[in-house]
N, C-alpha and C. Protein backbone atom coordinates (compact mmCIF):
# COMPACT_ATOMS: atom_id res chain seq x y z
N MET A 1 161.16 92.61 86.30
CA MET A 1 160.97 92.85 84.87
C MET A 1 160.04 94.04 84.67
N ASN A 2 160.35 94.90 83.72
CA ASN A 2 159.53 96.07 83.44
C ASN A 2 158.56 95.80 82.30
N PHE A 3 157.33 96.25 82.49
CA PHE A 3 156.31 96.11 81.46
C PHE A 3 155.77 97.49 81.16
N SER A 4 155.55 97.78 79.90
CA SER A 4 155.17 99.14 79.52
C SER A 4 153.71 99.46 79.74
N HIS A 5 152.83 98.45 79.75
CA HIS A 5 151.39 98.72 79.83
C HIS A 5 150.66 97.83 80.82
N GLU A 6 149.54 98.36 81.29
CA GLU A 6 148.65 97.66 82.20
C GLU A 6 147.31 97.48 81.49
N TYR A 7 146.73 96.31 81.62
CA TYR A 7 145.45 95.99 80.98
C TYR A 7 144.48 95.51 82.05
N LEU A 8 143.25 95.97 81.96
CA LEU A 8 142.22 95.57 82.90
C LEU A 8 141.07 94.96 82.11
N ILE A 9 140.70 93.73 82.47
CA ILE A 9 139.58 93.04 81.85
C ILE A 9 138.46 93.03 82.88
N LEU A 10 137.30 93.52 82.47
CA LEU A 10 136.20 93.66 83.42
C LEU A 10 134.87 93.33 82.78
N ILE A 11 133.90 93.09 83.64
CA ILE A 11 132.51 92.92 83.20
C ILE A 11 131.87 94.29 83.33
N SER A 12 131.34 94.78 82.24
CA SER A 12 130.71 96.09 82.23
C SER A 12 129.19 95.89 82.22
N PRO A 13 128.50 96.41 83.24
CA PRO A 13 127.05 96.20 83.31
C PRO A 13 126.30 97.11 82.34
N PRO A 14 125.01 96.86 82.13
CA PRO A 14 124.22 97.74 81.26
C PRO A 14 124.03 99.13 81.90
N LYS A 15 123.60 100.05 81.07
CA LYS A 15 123.47 101.46 81.45
C LYS A 15 122.66 101.66 82.74
N GLU A 16 121.53 100.97 82.89
CA GLU A 16 120.68 101.20 84.07
C GLU A 16 121.38 100.78 85.36
N ILE A 17 122.22 99.74 85.31
CA ILE A 17 122.98 99.33 86.49
C ILE A 17 124.08 100.35 86.76
N LYS A 18 124.75 100.82 85.72
CA LYS A 18 125.77 101.86 85.89
C LYS A 18 125.17 103.09 86.56
N GLU A 19 123.96 103.47 86.13
CA GLU A 19 123.31 104.64 86.71
C GLU A 19 122.95 104.40 88.17
N SER A 20 122.46 103.21 88.51
CA SER A 20 122.13 102.89 89.91
C SER A 20 123.38 102.93 90.78
N VAL A 21 124.47 102.36 90.30
CA VAL A 21 125.71 102.34 91.07
C VAL A 21 126.29 103.75 91.17
N LYS A 22 126.13 104.55 90.13
CA LYS A 22 126.60 105.94 90.21
C LYS A 22 125.85 106.70 91.29
N ARG A 23 124.54 106.45 91.43
CA ARG A 23 123.77 107.10 92.50
C ARG A 23 124.31 106.69 93.87
N VAL A 24 124.68 105.42 94.02
CA VAL A 24 125.27 104.95 95.28
C VAL A 24 126.60 105.68 95.52
N LYS A 25 127.44 105.74 94.50
CA LYS A 25 128.73 106.44 94.63
C LYS A 25 128.51 107.91 94.99
N ASP A 26 127.54 108.53 94.34
CA ASP A 26 127.25 109.93 94.64
C ASP A 26 126.83 110.11 96.10
N LEU A 27 126.02 109.18 96.60
CA LEU A 27 125.59 109.24 98.01
C LEU A 27 126.80 109.10 98.95
N PHE A 28 127.68 108.17 98.65
CA PHE A 28 128.90 108.04 99.44
C PHE A 28 129.72 109.33 99.36
N GLY A 29 129.83 109.87 98.16
CA GLY A 29 130.59 111.10 97.99
C GLY A 29 130.03 112.25 98.79
N GLU A 30 128.71 112.42 98.74
CA GLU A 30 128.07 113.51 99.48
C GLU A 30 128.17 113.31 100.99
N LYS A 31 127.85 112.11 101.43
CA LYS A 31 127.77 111.85 102.87
C LYS A 31 129.15 111.78 103.54
N PHE A 32 130.15 111.25 102.82
CA PHE A 32 131.46 111.03 103.43
C PHE A 32 132.59 111.80 102.74
N ASN A 33 132.24 112.71 101.83
CA ASN A 33 133.22 113.54 101.14
C ASN A 33 134.27 112.69 100.41
N ILE A 34 133.77 111.71 99.65
CA ILE A 34 134.63 110.80 98.89
C ILE A 34 134.56 111.18 97.42
N THR A 35 135.72 111.35 96.78
CA THR A 35 135.71 111.71 95.37
C THR A 35 136.10 110.57 94.45
N HIS A 36 136.81 109.57 94.93
CA HIS A 36 137.25 108.47 94.07
C HIS A 36 136.66 107.18 94.60
N PRO A 37 136.04 106.32 93.85
CA PRO A 37 135.95 106.27 92.40
C PRO A 37 134.63 106.80 91.85
N VAL A 38 134.12 107.87 92.41
CA VAL A 38 132.87 108.43 91.92
C VAL A 38 132.94 108.63 90.40
N GLU A 39 134.10 109.04 89.91
CA GLU A 39 134.24 109.31 88.47
C GLU A 39 134.29 108.04 87.62
N SER A 40 134.72 106.92 88.19
CA SER A 40 134.88 105.71 87.39
C SER A 40 133.55 105.00 87.19
N PRO A 41 133.30 104.49 85.97
CA PRO A 41 132.04 103.78 85.73
C PRO A 41 131.99 102.45 86.47
N ALA A 42 130.79 102.00 86.79
CA ALA A 42 130.60 100.74 87.49
C ALA A 42 131.12 99.59 86.65
N ASN A 43 131.82 98.65 87.32
CA ASN A 43 132.33 97.47 86.63
C ASN A 43 132.70 96.42 87.66
N ILE A 44 132.84 95.19 87.20
CA ILE A 44 133.36 94.11 88.03
C ILE A 44 134.69 93.69 87.43
N PRO A 45 135.80 93.99 88.12
CA PRO A 45 137.10 93.59 87.59
C PRO A 45 137.22 92.06 87.56
N VAL A 46 137.75 91.54 86.47
CA VAL A 46 137.94 90.10 86.33
C VAL A 46 139.44 89.77 86.40
N MET A 47 140.26 90.60 85.76
CA MET A 47 141.69 90.30 85.68
C MET A 47 142.45 91.55 85.27
N ASN A 48 143.65 91.71 85.80
CA ASN A 48 144.53 92.72 85.24
C ASN A 48 145.84 92.09 84.83
N LEU A 49 146.46 92.67 83.83
CA LEU A 49 147.70 92.13 83.28
C LEU A 49 148.70 93.25 83.13
N ARG A 50 149.97 92.88 83.28
CA ARG A 50 151.06 93.80 82.99
C ARG A 50 151.89 93.14 81.89
N MET A 51 152.02 93.84 80.78
CA MET A 51 152.79 93.29 79.67
C MET A 51 153.20 94.42 78.74
N ASN A 52 153.97 94.11 77.76
CA ASN A 52 154.38 95.11 76.79
C ASN A 52 153.32 95.29 75.72
N LYS A 53 153.27 96.49 75.20
CA LYS A 53 152.23 96.87 74.24
C LYS A 53 152.26 96.01 72.97
N ASN A 54 153.40 95.45 72.63
CA ASN A 54 153.47 94.65 71.40
C ASN A 54 152.62 93.39 71.46
N ASN A 55 152.11 93.01 72.65
CA ASN A 55 151.20 91.87 72.77
C ASN A 55 149.73 92.28 72.73
N GLU A 56 149.46 93.57 72.61
CA GLU A 56 148.08 94.06 72.74
C GLU A 56 147.13 93.48 71.69
N GLU A 57 147.53 93.47 70.44
CA GLU A 57 146.64 92.95 69.39
C GLU A 57 146.37 91.46 69.57
N LYS A 58 147.37 90.74 70.02
CA LYS A 58 147.20 89.30 70.28
C LYS A 58 146.23 89.10 71.44
N LEU A 59 146.33 89.93 72.49
CA LEU A 59 145.39 89.86 73.61
C LEU A 59 143.96 90.12 73.13
N LYS A 60 143.78 91.11 72.28
CA LYS A 60 142.44 91.41 71.74
C LYS A 60 141.90 90.23 70.95
N GLU A 61 142.75 89.57 70.19
CA GLU A 61 142.32 88.41 69.40
C GLU A 61 141.90 87.27 70.33
N ILE A 62 142.66 87.06 71.41
CA ILE A 62 142.32 86.02 72.40
C ILE A 62 140.97 86.34 73.03
N LEU A 63 140.75 87.58 73.42
CA LEU A 63 139.47 87.98 74.03
C LEU A 63 138.32 87.83 73.05
N LYS A 64 138.55 88.18 71.82
CA LYS A 64 137.53 88.04 70.78
C LYS A 64 137.09 86.58 70.67
N ASN A 65 138.04 85.68 70.58
CA ASN A 65 137.72 84.25 70.45
C ASN A 65 137.12 83.68 71.73
N PHE A 66 137.63 84.09 72.87
CA PHE A 66 137.12 83.63 74.15
C PHE A 66 135.65 84.04 74.31
N CYS A 67 135.35 85.30 74.04
CA CYS A 67 133.99 85.82 74.24
C CYS A 67 132.99 85.25 73.24
N LYS A 68 133.46 84.93 72.06
CA LYS A 68 132.59 84.34 71.04
C LYS A 68 131.93 83.06 71.56
N ASP A 69 132.67 82.31 72.38
CA ASP A 69 132.17 81.04 72.90
C ASP A 69 131.57 81.16 74.31
N GLN A 70 131.59 82.36 74.88
CA GLN A 70 131.09 82.57 76.24
C GLN A 70 129.58 82.81 76.22
N GLU A 71 128.87 82.15 77.14
CA GLU A 71 127.43 82.36 77.25
C GLU A 71 127.13 83.49 78.22
N ILE A 72 126.06 84.22 77.94
CA ILE A 72 125.58 85.26 78.84
C ILE A 72 125.16 84.61 80.15
N PHE A 73 125.44 85.27 81.28
CA PHE A 73 125.04 84.74 82.58
C PHE A 73 124.53 85.86 83.48
N ASN A 74 123.78 85.49 84.49
CA ASN A 74 123.19 86.45 85.42
C ASN A 74 124.19 86.83 86.50
N ILE A 75 124.13 88.11 86.88
CA ILE A 75 124.90 88.59 88.02
C ILE A 75 123.95 89.31 88.95
N SER A 76 124.03 88.96 90.23
CA SER A 76 123.27 89.63 91.28
C SER A 76 124.25 90.37 92.17
N LEU A 77 123.95 91.62 92.43
CA LEU A 77 124.73 92.43 93.36
C LEU A 77 123.90 92.58 94.62
N SER A 78 124.50 92.31 95.77
CA SER A 78 123.71 92.31 96.99
C SER A 78 124.53 92.80 98.17
N GLY A 79 124.15 93.95 98.69
CA GLY A 79 124.74 94.47 99.92
C GLY A 79 126.16 94.97 99.77
N TYR A 80 126.68 95.45 100.87
CA TYR A 80 128.00 96.07 100.91
C TYR A 80 128.97 95.22 101.72
N ASP A 81 130.23 95.31 101.34
CA ASP A 81 131.30 94.70 102.11
C ASP A 81 132.53 95.58 101.90
N ALA A 82 133.66 95.13 102.44
CA ALA A 82 134.82 96.01 102.39
C ALA A 82 136.12 95.23 102.42
N LEU A 83 137.15 95.88 101.94
CA LEU A 83 138.52 95.43 102.10
C LEU A 83 139.16 96.47 103.03
N ARG A 84 139.24 96.11 104.27
CA ARG A 84 139.68 97.02 105.31
C ARG A 84 141.10 97.47 105.04
N PRO A 85 141.44 98.71 105.24
CA PRO A 85 140.61 99.82 105.68
C PRO A 85 140.35 100.86 104.59
N HIS A 86 140.43 100.47 103.32
CA HIS A 86 140.40 101.52 102.30
C HIS A 86 139.32 101.41 101.23
N ILE A 87 138.65 100.25 101.11
CA ILE A 87 137.73 100.04 99.98
C ILE A 87 136.38 99.54 100.47
N ILE A 88 135.31 100.12 99.93
CA ILE A 88 133.95 99.64 100.17
C ILE A 88 133.36 99.28 98.81
N TYR A 89 132.68 98.13 98.77
CA TYR A 89 132.16 97.67 97.49
C TYR A 89 130.80 97.02 97.65
N ILE A 90 130.13 96.84 96.49
CA ILE A 90 128.89 96.09 96.41
C ILE A 90 129.28 94.67 96.01
N LYS A 91 128.77 93.69 96.76
CA LYS A 91 129.15 92.29 96.55
C LYS A 91 128.46 91.70 95.31
N ALA A 92 129.23 90.96 94.52
CA ALA A 92 128.66 90.16 93.43
C ALA A 92 128.42 88.76 93.98
N VAL A 93 127.19 88.30 93.90
CA VAL A 93 126.80 87.02 94.50
C VAL A 93 127.43 85.84 93.75
N GLU A 94 127.58 85.94 92.46
CA GLU A 94 128.07 84.82 91.63
C GLU A 94 129.59 84.69 91.68
N GLU A 95 130.14 84.60 92.86
CA GLU A 95 131.59 84.52 93.03
C GLU A 95 132.19 83.33 92.28
N LYS A 96 131.57 82.16 92.39
CA LYS A 96 132.11 80.96 91.73
C LYS A 96 132.07 81.09 90.21
N THR A 97 130.99 81.65 89.68
CA THR A 97 130.87 81.82 88.23
C THR A 97 131.93 82.77 87.70
N ILE A 98 132.12 83.89 88.40
CA ILE A 98 133.11 84.89 87.96
C ILE A 98 134.52 84.35 88.15
N SER A 99 134.76 83.61 89.23
CA SER A 99 136.08 83.00 89.44
C SER A 99 136.39 81.96 88.36
N ALA A 100 135.38 81.19 87.96
CA ALA A 100 135.57 80.21 86.88
C ALA A 100 135.85 80.92 85.56
N LEU A 101 135.17 82.03 85.31
CA LEU A 101 135.43 82.84 84.11
C LEU A 101 136.89 83.30 84.13
N HIS A 102 137.34 83.80 85.26
CA HIS A 102 138.72 84.26 85.41
C HIS A 102 139.69 83.11 85.11
N ARG A 103 139.43 81.94 85.70
CA ARG A 103 140.32 80.79 85.51
C ARG A 103 140.42 80.39 84.03
N ARG A 104 139.26 80.31 83.36
CA ARG A 104 139.25 79.94 81.93
C ARG A 104 139.97 80.99 81.09
N LEU A 105 139.76 82.24 81.44
CA LEU A 105 140.42 83.33 80.72
C LEU A 105 141.94 83.26 80.91
N LYS A 106 142.35 83.03 82.12
CA LYS A 106 143.78 82.90 82.43
C LYS A 106 144.39 81.73 81.64
N GLU A 107 143.66 80.61 81.58
CA GLU A 107 144.13 79.45 80.82
C GLU A 107 144.24 79.75 79.33
N SER A 108 143.42 80.67 78.83
CA SER A 108 143.49 81.06 77.43
C SER A 108 144.64 82.03 77.16
N ILE A 109 144.89 82.91 78.12
CA ILE A 109 145.87 83.98 77.91
C ILE A 109 147.31 83.54 78.16
N LEU A 110 147.56 82.88 79.29
CA LEU A 110 148.95 82.57 79.68
C LEU A 110 149.77 81.88 78.60
N PRO A 111 149.30 80.75 78.06
CA PRO A 111 150.16 80.07 77.08
C PRO A 111 150.29 80.82 75.75
N ARG A 112 149.27 81.54 75.36
CA ARG A 112 149.32 82.22 74.05
C ARG A 112 150.17 83.48 74.07
N LEU A 113 150.24 84.15 75.22
CA LEU A 113 151.05 85.36 75.31
C LEU A 113 152.38 85.12 76.01
N HIS A 114 152.60 83.87 76.46
CA HIS A 114 153.84 83.49 77.14
C HIS A 114 154.10 84.40 78.34
N LEU A 115 153.06 84.61 79.14
CA LEU A 115 153.17 85.46 80.32
C LEU A 115 153.49 84.60 81.54
N GLU A 116 154.07 85.22 82.52
CA GLU A 116 154.28 84.59 83.83
C GLU A 116 153.02 84.82 84.66
N THR A 117 152.73 83.92 85.58
CA THR A 117 151.54 84.10 86.43
C THR A 117 151.64 85.39 87.23
N SER A 118 152.85 85.86 87.52
CA SER A 118 153.01 87.11 88.27
C SER A 118 152.56 88.34 87.48
N GLN A 119 152.39 88.20 86.17
CA GLN A 119 151.94 89.31 85.34
C GLN A 119 150.43 89.44 85.33
N ILE A 120 149.74 88.47 85.93
CA ILE A 120 148.27 88.48 85.94
C ILE A 120 147.79 88.66 87.37
N GLY A 121 146.96 89.66 87.57
CA GLY A 121 146.38 89.92 88.89
C GLY A 121 144.99 89.31 88.99
N THR A 122 144.67 88.83 90.18
CA THR A 122 143.36 88.22 90.41
C THR A 122 142.57 89.07 91.40
N TYR A 123 141.27 88.94 91.32
CA TYR A 123 140.36 89.60 92.25
C TYR A 123 139.64 88.51 93.01
N SER A 124 139.93 88.40 94.31
CA SER A 124 139.40 87.28 95.08
C SER A 124 137.92 87.41 95.41
N ASN A 125 137.39 88.61 95.55
CA ASN A 125 135.95 88.75 95.79
C ASN A 125 135.38 89.64 94.69
N PRO A 126 134.66 89.04 93.75
CA PRO A 126 134.05 89.83 92.68
C PRO A 126 133.15 90.92 93.27
N HIS A 127 133.30 92.13 92.76
CA HIS A 127 132.60 93.26 93.36
C HIS A 127 132.57 94.47 92.43
N MET A 128 131.78 95.48 92.84
CA MET A 128 131.80 96.81 92.22
C MET A 128 132.19 97.80 93.30
N THR A 129 133.33 98.43 93.14
CA THR A 129 133.82 99.39 94.13
C THR A 129 132.96 100.65 94.12
N VAL A 130 132.58 101.10 95.32
CA VAL A 130 131.83 102.37 95.43
C VAL A 130 132.64 103.43 96.16
N ALA A 131 133.68 103.04 96.89
CA ALA A 131 134.54 103.99 97.58
C ALA A 131 135.90 103.35 97.82
N CYS A 132 136.96 104.10 97.55
CA CYS A 132 138.29 103.56 97.81
C CYS A 132 139.23 104.69 98.21
N ASN A 133 140.44 104.31 98.56
CA ASN A 133 141.45 105.26 99.05
C ASN A 133 140.94 106.04 100.25
N LEU A 134 140.21 105.36 101.12
CA LEU A 134 139.62 106.01 102.29
C LEU A 134 140.61 106.06 103.45
N THR A 135 140.47 107.10 104.25
CA THR A 135 141.20 107.10 105.51
C THR A 135 140.50 106.10 106.42
N GLU A 136 141.18 105.65 107.44
CA GLU A 136 140.55 104.68 108.34
C GLU A 136 139.32 105.28 109.02
N GLU A 137 139.38 106.56 109.35
CA GLU A 137 138.24 107.20 110.01
C GLU A 137 137.01 107.23 109.09
N ILE A 138 137.20 107.64 107.85
CA ILE A 138 136.07 107.68 106.91
C ILE A 138 135.59 106.27 106.60
N TYR A 139 136.53 105.34 106.44
CA TYR A 139 136.16 103.95 106.20
C TYR A 139 135.24 103.45 107.31
N ASN A 140 135.64 103.64 108.56
CA ASN A 140 134.85 103.15 109.70
C ASN A 140 133.45 103.75 109.72
N LYS A 141 133.34 105.04 109.44
CA LYS A 141 132.02 105.68 109.40
C LYS A 141 131.19 105.12 108.25
N ALA A 142 131.79 105.04 107.08
CA ALA A 142 131.04 104.64 105.88
C ALA A 142 130.61 103.18 105.93
N ILE A 143 131.50 102.28 106.33
CA ILE A 143 131.11 100.86 106.37
C ILE A 143 130.14 100.62 107.52
N GLY A 144 130.33 101.31 108.63
CA GLY A 144 129.41 101.17 109.74
C GLY A 144 127.99 101.58 109.38
N ALA A 145 127.87 102.62 108.58
CA ALA A 145 126.56 103.13 108.18
C ALA A 145 125.93 102.30 107.06
N ASN A 146 126.72 101.48 106.36
CA ASN A 146 126.19 100.81 105.16
C ASN A 146 126.29 99.29 105.15
N ARG A 147 127.03 98.68 106.03
CA ARG A 147 127.23 97.22 105.96
C ARG A 147 125.91 96.45 105.97
N THR A 148 124.93 96.90 106.73
CA THR A 148 123.65 96.17 106.81
C THR A 148 122.57 96.78 105.92
N ARG A 149 122.92 97.83 105.19
CA ARG A 149 121.95 98.46 104.29
C ARG A 149 121.64 97.54 103.12
N LYS A 150 120.39 97.42 102.76
CA LYS A 150 119.96 96.54 101.66
C LYS A 150 120.23 97.20 100.31
N LEU A 151 120.72 96.40 99.41
CA LEU A 151 120.90 96.82 98.02
C LEU A 151 120.85 95.56 97.18
N GLU A 152 119.97 95.53 96.21
CA GLU A 152 119.83 94.37 95.32
C GLU A 152 119.76 94.88 93.88
N LEU A 153 120.70 94.44 93.05
CA LEU A 153 120.71 94.78 91.64
C LEU A 153 120.99 93.50 90.86
N ASN A 154 120.38 93.35 89.69
CA ASN A 154 120.58 92.17 88.85
C ASN A 154 120.76 92.59 87.40
N PHE A 155 121.63 91.86 86.72
CA PHE A 155 121.81 92.11 85.29
C PHE A 155 122.39 90.88 84.62
N LYS A 156 122.35 90.86 83.31
CA LYS A 156 122.94 89.79 82.52
C LYS A 156 124.31 90.25 82.05
N ALA A 157 125.33 89.49 82.41
CA ALA A 157 126.69 89.77 81.96
C ALA A 157 126.79 89.29 80.52
N ASP A 158 127.06 90.23 79.61
CA ASP A 158 127.08 89.88 78.19
C ASP A 158 128.35 90.34 77.49
N ASN A 159 129.37 90.74 78.28
CA ASN A 159 130.58 91.23 77.63
C ASN A 159 131.77 91.19 78.58
N LEU A 160 132.94 91.26 78.00
CA LEU A 160 134.15 91.62 78.72
C LEU A 160 134.65 92.90 78.07
N THR A 161 135.11 93.80 78.89
CA THR A 161 135.64 95.07 78.40
C THR A 161 137.12 95.12 78.73
N LEU A 162 137.91 95.54 77.78
CA LEU A 162 139.36 95.66 77.96
C LEU A 162 139.72 97.14 78.01
N LEU A 163 140.42 97.53 79.07
CA LEU A 163 140.97 98.88 79.19
C LEU A 163 142.49 98.76 79.18
N TRP A 164 143.18 99.79 78.69
CA TRP A 164 144.64 99.75 78.72
C TRP A 164 145.20 101.15 78.96
N ARG A 165 146.40 101.14 79.54
CA ARG A 165 147.11 102.39 79.83
C ARG A 165 148.59 102.08 80.05
N GLU A 166 149.35 103.15 80.01
CA GLU A 166 150.76 103.03 80.33
C GLU A 166 150.87 102.55 81.78
N HIS A 167 151.83 101.67 82.04
CA HIS A 167 152.00 101.11 83.38
C HIS A 167 152.38 102.20 84.37
N LYS A 168 151.89 102.09 85.60
CA LYS A 168 152.19 103.06 86.66
C LYS A 168 153.70 103.11 86.89
N SER A 169 154.19 104.31 87.08
CA SER A 169 155.61 104.45 87.39
C SER A 169 155.78 105.45 88.53
N ALA A 170 156.62 105.11 89.46
CA ALA A 170 156.94 105.98 90.60
C ALA A 170 155.69 106.52 91.29
N GLY A 171 154.68 105.64 91.45
CA GLY A 171 153.46 106.05 92.16
C GLY A 171 152.51 106.89 91.34
N LYS A 172 152.89 107.23 90.11
CA LYS A 172 152.03 108.05 89.26
C LYS A 172 151.01 107.16 88.55
N ILE A 173 149.75 107.52 88.62
CA ILE A 173 148.70 106.74 87.96
C ILE A 173 148.33 107.42 86.65
N HIS A 174 148.40 106.67 85.59
CA HIS A 174 148.04 107.19 84.27
C HIS A 174 146.58 106.84 83.98
N LYS A 175 145.90 107.73 83.27
CA LYS A 175 144.50 107.46 82.92
C LYS A 175 144.44 106.36 81.87
N TRP A 176 143.28 105.67 81.84
CA TRP A 176 143.08 104.64 80.83
C TRP A 176 143.08 105.30 79.47
N GLU A 177 143.86 104.74 78.54
CA GLU A 177 144.03 105.32 77.21
C GLU A 177 143.02 104.78 76.21
N GLY A 178 142.61 103.53 76.40
CA GLY A 178 141.75 102.91 75.41
C GLY A 178 140.79 101.92 76.01
N LYS A 179 139.80 101.56 75.18
CA LYS A 179 138.74 100.65 75.62
C LYS A 179 138.22 99.89 74.42
N GLU A 180 137.99 98.59 74.62
CA GLU A 180 137.34 97.79 73.59
C GLU A 180 136.41 96.79 74.28
N VAL A 181 135.21 96.62 73.72
CA VAL A 181 134.20 95.74 74.31
C VAL A 181 134.07 94.49 73.45
N PHE A 182 134.02 93.34 74.12
CA PHE A 182 133.89 92.05 73.45
C PHE A 182 132.60 91.41 73.94
N LYS A 183 131.61 91.32 73.06
CA LYS A 183 130.31 90.75 73.42
C LYS A 183 130.38 89.23 73.46
N PHE A 184 129.61 88.65 74.37
CA PHE A 184 129.55 87.20 74.47
C PHE A 184 128.70 86.61 73.36
N GLY A 185 129.14 85.47 72.83
CA GLY A 185 128.34 84.67 71.93
C GLY A 185 128.09 85.25 70.56
N GLN A 186 128.97 86.12 70.09
CA GLN A 186 128.77 86.66 68.74
C GLN A 186 130.09 87.08 68.12
N ALA A 187 130.05 87.26 66.81
CA ALA A 187 131.24 87.72 66.09
C ALA A 187 131.58 89.12 66.58
N GLN A 188 132.87 89.46 66.54
CA GLN A 188 133.39 90.70 67.12
C GLN A 188 133.85 91.67 66.03
N ASP A 189 133.00 92.01 65.13
CA ASP A 189 133.46 92.84 64.02
C ASP A 189 133.77 94.27 64.43
N SER A 190 132.76 95.02 64.86
CA SER A 190 132.99 96.43 65.16
C SER A 190 132.35 96.79 66.50
N LEU A 191 132.98 96.35 67.56
CA LEU A 191 132.40 96.57 68.90
C LEU A 191 133.24 97.56 69.71
N PHE A 192 133.72 98.60 69.10
CA PHE A 192 134.47 99.60 69.85
C PHE A 192 133.50 100.47 70.62
N GLY A 193 133.81 100.76 71.91
CA GLY A 193 132.88 101.52 72.73
C GLY A 193 133.38 102.82 73.18
């Protein structure tokens, strides 16, 4: 089945965490000549969806209502890990909390949008990517140099952010076209970011 758009739901950290993670990405970029995802802002992916654009407003309404009832929670980022052989990331310690958030979100979205489970992607290890699309040689150097390096960051997760773009076709990646932020525990009147 063809779907016209891709949607990414993520936890967006506060500015100071984004800046700290950007410094880490910059260090990876300088030391290992990595350009992607240096440009992308720090985030923890929660879910991605493939669906047609005509469901977009309904998805936003679901997120608005879901986040209104969601409580702010702590996230600790600690150390580096990897998805061999192409991705290096900073680990999110609250794996169970983020997985439970994903499960509740999926339970809210699936029946209301009449989606198939195959249209929803899951992230098995909550994380913030600092390097991806690596060759095996660069991956081995970068993870070897950083796996035991200490890194501790903490923040309060207070939002879900929705990004959307035209669905990838024939290997071509389209840039994210739009963004909307949904704050936890409050009315969602004008939270465009």
